[in-house]
């Protein structure tokens, strides 16, 4: 079904390329200003148009929080070129240089996680796979792509169902940390066995539908595309090498 907003209805390749180019530019340009512009233009504005801004902020924060804490702690206290000491905890010193580098890295992480989350929240995996197949990507490669995207959500959903079933049978999975750890063992087995059984069922279903037959498949539907989106994609692709050259030549002091 078409998405509820104009951004949802964009071609999946357009949204994928937007996420990839935003990620590449955040890494190439660095600093604080460039990632901030990328987040504002390529993440927050489209998310607001798509009506998913609060969900995007929450999801991107949860995704980037563990690595963000690690980056902040490591660079703040163990930056090798740090000279200006902010404060000291025993033998460990927090330096201004480490803090500055950590903030710049966090800006890049925020831009990357926001771009990826925006694509994930607005693009059904099946649409991306159909569009890739329409453009000549082999069906096996497209299936690997969609299976990779759907693996974690499927396992999370299966784990939640098994947890509810185990609780109904009297298993205590809440309370103290020891009870939570002990409750993992009865959940791990059914989750793994269920994943294996699902793989077998999916394989048989694909074989019954002629997935392995030679030749190109006939698609009954593919996501719409337009000349304007094609022009935008080529513009985004051309933007990356141009900015790399400008950055290397030192014409973009960000």
Protein backbone atom coordinates (compact mmCIF):
# COMPACT_ATOMS: atom_id res chain seq x y z
CA UNK A 1 0.00 0.00 0.00
CA UNK A 2 1.26 3.55 -0.71
CA UNK A 3 2.58 5.42 2.29
CA UNK A 4 0.52 8.01 4.13
CA UNK A 5 2.76 10.95 3.13
CA UNK A 6 4.62 12.12 0.06
CA UNK A 7 7.96 11.14 1.59
CA UNK A 8 6.68 7.62 2.25
CA UNK A 9 5.64 7.37 -1.40
CA UNK A 10 9.09 8.23 -2.73
CA UNK A 11 10.87 5.46 -4.58
CA UNK A 12 12.75 3.19 -2.12
CA UNK A 13 16.01 3.69 -4.02
CA UNK A 14 15.68 7.45 -3.60
CA UNK A 15 15.30 7.11 0.16
CA UNK A 16 18.10 4.55 0.34
CA UNK A 17 20.45 6.80 -1.61
CA UNK A 18 19.54 9.75 0.62
CA UNK A 19 20.51 7.71 3.70
CA UNK A 20 23.77 6.48 2.11
CA UNK A 21 24.84 9.92 0.87
CA UNK A 22 23.95 11.55 4.21
CA UNK A 23 26.06 8.95 6.00
CA UNK A 24 28.98 9.42 3.59
CA UNK A 25 28.88 13.21 3.83
CA UNK A 26 28.76 13.12 7.63
CA UNK A 27 31.95 11.04 7.60
CA UNK A 28 33.71 13.00 4.85
CA UNK A 29 32.99 16.52 6.06
CA UNK A 30 33.24 16.02 9.81
CA UNK A 31 33.26 18.94 12.20
CA UNK A 32 30.09 20.18 13.84
CA UNK A 33 28.49 22.42 11.24
CA UNK A 34 28.31 19.89 8.39
CA UNK A 35 26.66 17.07 10.42
CA UNK A 36 24.26 19.60 11.92
CA UNK A 37 23.21 20.77 8.44
CA UNK A 38 22.85 17.16 7.27
CA UNK A 39 20.67 16.30 10.26
CA UNK A 40 18.49 19.37 9.75
CA UNK A 41 18.05 19.08 5.97
CA UNK A 42 18.22 15.32 5.31
CA UNK A 43 16.80 13.88 8.56
CA UNK A 44 14.67 16.21 10.67
CA UNK A 45 12.89 18.02 7.83
CA UNK A 46 11.87 14.82 5.97
CA UNK A 47 10.88 13.17 9.26
CA UNK A 48 8.64 16.13 10.09
CA UNK A 49 7.05 15.95 6.63
CA UNK A 50 6.51 12.21 7.10
CA UNK A 51 4.97 12.73 10.56
CA UNK A 52 7.47 10.43 12.33
CA UNK A 53 9.74 12.99 14.01
CA UNK A 54 9.12 11.90 17.65
CA UNK A 55 9.49 8.22 16.75
CA UNK A 56 12.63 8.88 14.74
CA UNK A 57 14.27 10.83 17.57
CA UNK A 58 13.45 8.10 20.08
CA UNK A 59 14.64 5.24 17.84
CA UNK A 60 17.82 6.98 16.68
CA UNK A 61 18.70 7.85 20.28
CA UNK A 62 18.25 4.26 21.43
CA UNK A 63 20.33 2.96 18.52
CA UNK A 64 23.22 5.36 19.01
CA UNK A 65 23.24 5.64 22.80
CA UNK A 66 25.59 2.71 23.62
CA UNK A 67 28.28 3.69 21.13
CA UNK A 68 27.82 7.39 21.97
CA UNK A 69 28.55 6.74 25.65
CA UNK A 70 31.60 4.69 24.70
CA UNK A 71 32.91 7.39 22.35
CA UNK A 72 32.42 10.11 24.95
CA UNK A 73 34.14 8.23 27.78
CA UNK A 74 37.08 6.94 25.73
CA UNK A 75 37.88 10.24 24.04
CA UNK A 76 37.25 12.42 27.08
CA UNK A 77 39.60 10.50 29.35
CA UNK A 78 42.00 8.72 27.00
CA UNK A 79 42.53 11.08 24.06
CA UNK A 80 46.24 10.69 23.24
CA UNK A 81 46.92 14.28 22.17
CA UNK A 82 45.11 15.94 25.08
CA UNK A 83 46.98 18.77 26.80
CA UNK A 84 44.38 21.08 28.36
CA UNK A 85 43.06 19.33 31.48
CA UNK A 86 39.44 19.98 32.40
CA UNK A 87 39.38 17.87 35.56
CA UNK A 88 41.16 14.84 36.97
CA UNK A 89 39.93 11.66 38.63
CA UNK A 90 42.98 10.08 40.24
CA UNK A 91 45.39 9.17 37.44
CA UNK A 92 42.77 9.75 34.73
CA UNK A 93 42.55 13.18 33.15
CA UNK A 94 39.68 14.65 31.13
CA UNK A 95 41.05 16.92 28.40
CA UNK A 96 39.45 19.66 26.32
CA UNK A 97 40.89 18.19 23.13
CA UNK A 98 39.31 14.84 23.90
CA UNK A 99 35.98 16.48 24.62
CA UNK A 100 36.08 18.41 21.35
CA UNK A 101 36.90 15.28 19.34
CA UNK A 102 34.16 13.34 21.14
CA UNK A 103 31.56 16.01 20.36
CA UNK A 104 32.51 16.00 16.66
CA UNK A 105 32.29 12.20 16.58
CA UNK A 106 28.92 12.27 18.31
CA UNK A 107 27.67 14.71 15.68
CA UNK A 108 28.64 12.25 12.97
CA UNK A 109 27.02 9.36 14.83
CA UNK A 110 23.81 11.36 15.23
CA UNK A 111 23.67 12.14 11.51
CA UNK A 112 24.35 8.53 10.55
CA UNK A 113 21.84 6.99 12.95
CA UNK A 114 19.21 9.55 12.02
CA UNK A 115 19.61 8.93 8.28
CA UNK A 116 19.44 5.15 8.66
CA UNK A 117 16.46 5.35 11.02
CA UNK A 118 14.58 7.63 8.63
CA UNK A 119 15.01 5.11 5.82
CA UNK A 120 14.00 2.21 8.07
CA UNK A 121 10.83 3.90 9.36
CA UNK A 122 9.55 5.03 5.96
CA UNK A 123 10.47 2.15 3.64
CA UNK A 124 8.88 -1.33 3.72
CA UNK A 125 11.60 -3.89 2.91
CA UNK A 126 9.39 -5.60 0.31
CA UNK A 127 9.17 -2.38 -1.72
CA UNK A 128 12.96 -2.05 -1.77
CA UNK A 129 13.39 -5.66 -2.89
CA UNK A 130 10.82 -5.29 -5.69
CA UNK A 131 12.46 -2.10 -6.88
CA UNK A 132 15.90 -3.74 -6.88
CA UNK A 133 14.57 -6.70 -8.85
CA UNK A 134 12.95 -4.36 -11.37
CA UNK A 135 16.34 -2.74 -11.92
CA UNK A 136 17.99 -6.06 -12.69
CA UNK A 137 19.34 -7.14 -9.30
CA UNK A 138 19.29 -10.99 -9.07
CA UNK A 139 16.39 -12.41 -7.09
CA UNK A 140 18.72 -14.31 -4.75
CA UNK A 141 20.60 -11.14 -3.81
CA UNK A 142 17.35 -9.26 -3.29
CA UNK A 143 16.05 -12.05 -1.06
CA UNK A 144 19.24 -11.95 1.02
CA UNK A 145 18.74 -8.20 1.47
CA UNK A 146 15.15 -8.49 2.68
CA UNK A 147 15.93 -11.51 4.88
CA UNK A 148 18.76 -9.60 6.56
CA UNK A 149 16.48 -6.65 7.28
CA UNK A 150 13.65 -8.80 8.63
CA UNK A 151 15.72 -11.21 10.73
CA UNK A 152 16.06 -9.11 13.89
CA UNK A 153 12.42 -7.84 14.01
CA UNK A 154 11.18 -11.40 13.41
CA UNK A 155 13.33 -12.79 16.23
CA UNK A 156 12.23 -10.01 18.58
CA UNK A 157 8.57 -10.72 17.78
CA UNK A 158 9.08 -14.45 18.26
CA UNK A 159 10.91 -13.89 21.56
CA UNK A 160 8.05 -11.70 22.83
CA UNK A 161 5.49 -14.39 21.94
CA UNK A 162 7.55 -17.13 23.61
CA UNK A 163 8.06 -14.95 26.70
CA UNK A 164 4.31 -14.43 27.02
CA UNK A 165 3.73 -18.17 26.62
CA UNK A 166 6.36 -19.02 29.25
CA UNK A 167 4.87 -16.52 31.69
CA UNK A 168 1.48 -18.10 31.18
CA UNK A 169 3.08 -21.40 32.22
CA UNK A 170 4.47 -19.88 35.42
CA UNK A 171 8.01 -18.89 34.39
CA UNK A 172 9.25 -15.86 36.30
CA UNK A 173 11.10 -13.58 33.84
CA UNK A 174 10.86 -10.41 35.90
CA UNK A 175 12.23 -9.25 39.21
CA UNK A 176 15.86 -9.56 40.28
CA UNK A 177 18.72 -9.70 37.73
CA UNK A 178 19.37 -13.35 38.65
CA UNK A 179 15.76 -14.28 37.81
CA UNK A 180 16.05 -12.47 34.48
CA UNK A 181 19.30 -14.28 33.63
CA UNK A 182 17.81 -17.63 34.65
CA UNK A 183 14.79 -16.95 32.44
CA UNK A 184 16.95 -16.53 29.34
CA UNK A 185 17.73 -20.26 29.07
CA UNK A 186 14.09 -21.40 28.61
CA UNK A 187 13.66 -18.67 25.97
CA UNK A 188 16.82 -19.19 23.92
CA UNK A 189 16.02 -22.75 22.86
CA UNK A 190 12.50 -22.09 21.51
CA UNK A 191 13.67 -18.92 19.75
CA UNK A 192 16.50 -20.74 17.93
CA UNK A 193 14.37 -23.78 17.09
CA UNK A 194 11.57 -21.55 15.87
CA UNK A 195 14.01 -19.64 13.63
CA UNK A 196 15.28 -22.89 12.12
CA UNK A 197 11.73 -24.13 11.52
CA UNK A 198 10.79 -20.82 9.91
CA UNK A 199 13.80 -21.03 7.58
CA UNK A 200 12.73 -24.51 6.49
CA UNK A 201 9.13 -23.39 5.89
CA UNK A 202 10.28 -20.34 3.95
CA UNK A 203 12.61 -22.46 1.81
CA UNK A 204 9.81 -24.87 0.93
CA UNK A 205 7.47 -21.98 0.12
CA UNK A 206 10.04 -20.38 -2.15
CA UNK A 207 10.67 -23.66 -3.95
CA UNK A 208 6.93 -24.17 -4.44
CA UNK A 209 6.72 -20.72 -6.03
CA UNK A 210 9.58 -21.41 -8.46
CA UNK A 211 12.09 -19.13 -6.78
CA UNK A 212 15.11 -21.04 -8.12
CA UNK A 213 13.94 -21.26 -11.73
CA UNK A 214 16.27 -19.61 -14.27
CA UNK A 215 15.42 -16.36 -15.97
CA UNK A 216 13.99 -13.08 -14.80
CA UNK A 217 10.79 -12.98 -12.78
CA UNK A 218 7.70 -11.12 -13.91
CA UNK A 219 6.73 -8.53 -11.31
CA UNK A 220 3.06 -7.69 -10.96
CA UNK A 221 3.81 -4.39 -9.20
CA UNK A 222 6.81 -2.17 -8.57
CA UNK A 223 7.20 1.08 -6.63
CA UNK A 224 6.55 4.18 -8.75
CA UNK A 225 9.41 6.34 -9.92
CA UNK A 226 9.70 9.69 -11.68
CA UNK A 227 12.16 11.70 -13.73
CA UNK A 228 12.55 14.20 -10.92
CA UNK A 229 13.60 11.47 -8.48
CA UNK A 230 16.07 10.06 -11.01
CA UNK A 231 17.61 13.51 -11.40
CA UNK A 232 17.77 13.90 -7.62
CA UNK A 233 19.53 10.53 -7.26
CA UNK A 234 22.17 11.39 -9.86
CA UNK A 235 22.66 14.77 -8.17
CA UNK A 236 23.19 13.10 -4.80
CA UNK A 237 25.70 10.69 -6.33
CA UNK A 238 27.60 13.52 -8.00
CA UNK A 239 27.65 15.50 -4.77
CA UNK A 240 29.86 12.97 -2.96
CA UNK A 241 32.98 13.09 -5.20
CA UNK A 242 32.66 16.87 -5.58
CA UNK A 243 32.69 17.41 -1.82
CA UNK A 244 35.53 14.90 -1.40
CA UNK A 245 37.61 16.90 -3.87
CA UNK A 246 36.73 20.19 -2.17
CA UNK A 247 37.61 18.71 1.22
CA UNK A 248 40.94 17.34 -0.01
CA UNK A 249 41.88 20.66 -1.60
CA UNK A 250 41.06 22.48 1.64
CA UNK A 251 38.37 24.69 0.16
CA UNK A 252 35.81 23.62 2.74
CA UNK A 253 37.23 24.37 6.22
CA UNK A 254 34.46 22.76 8.32
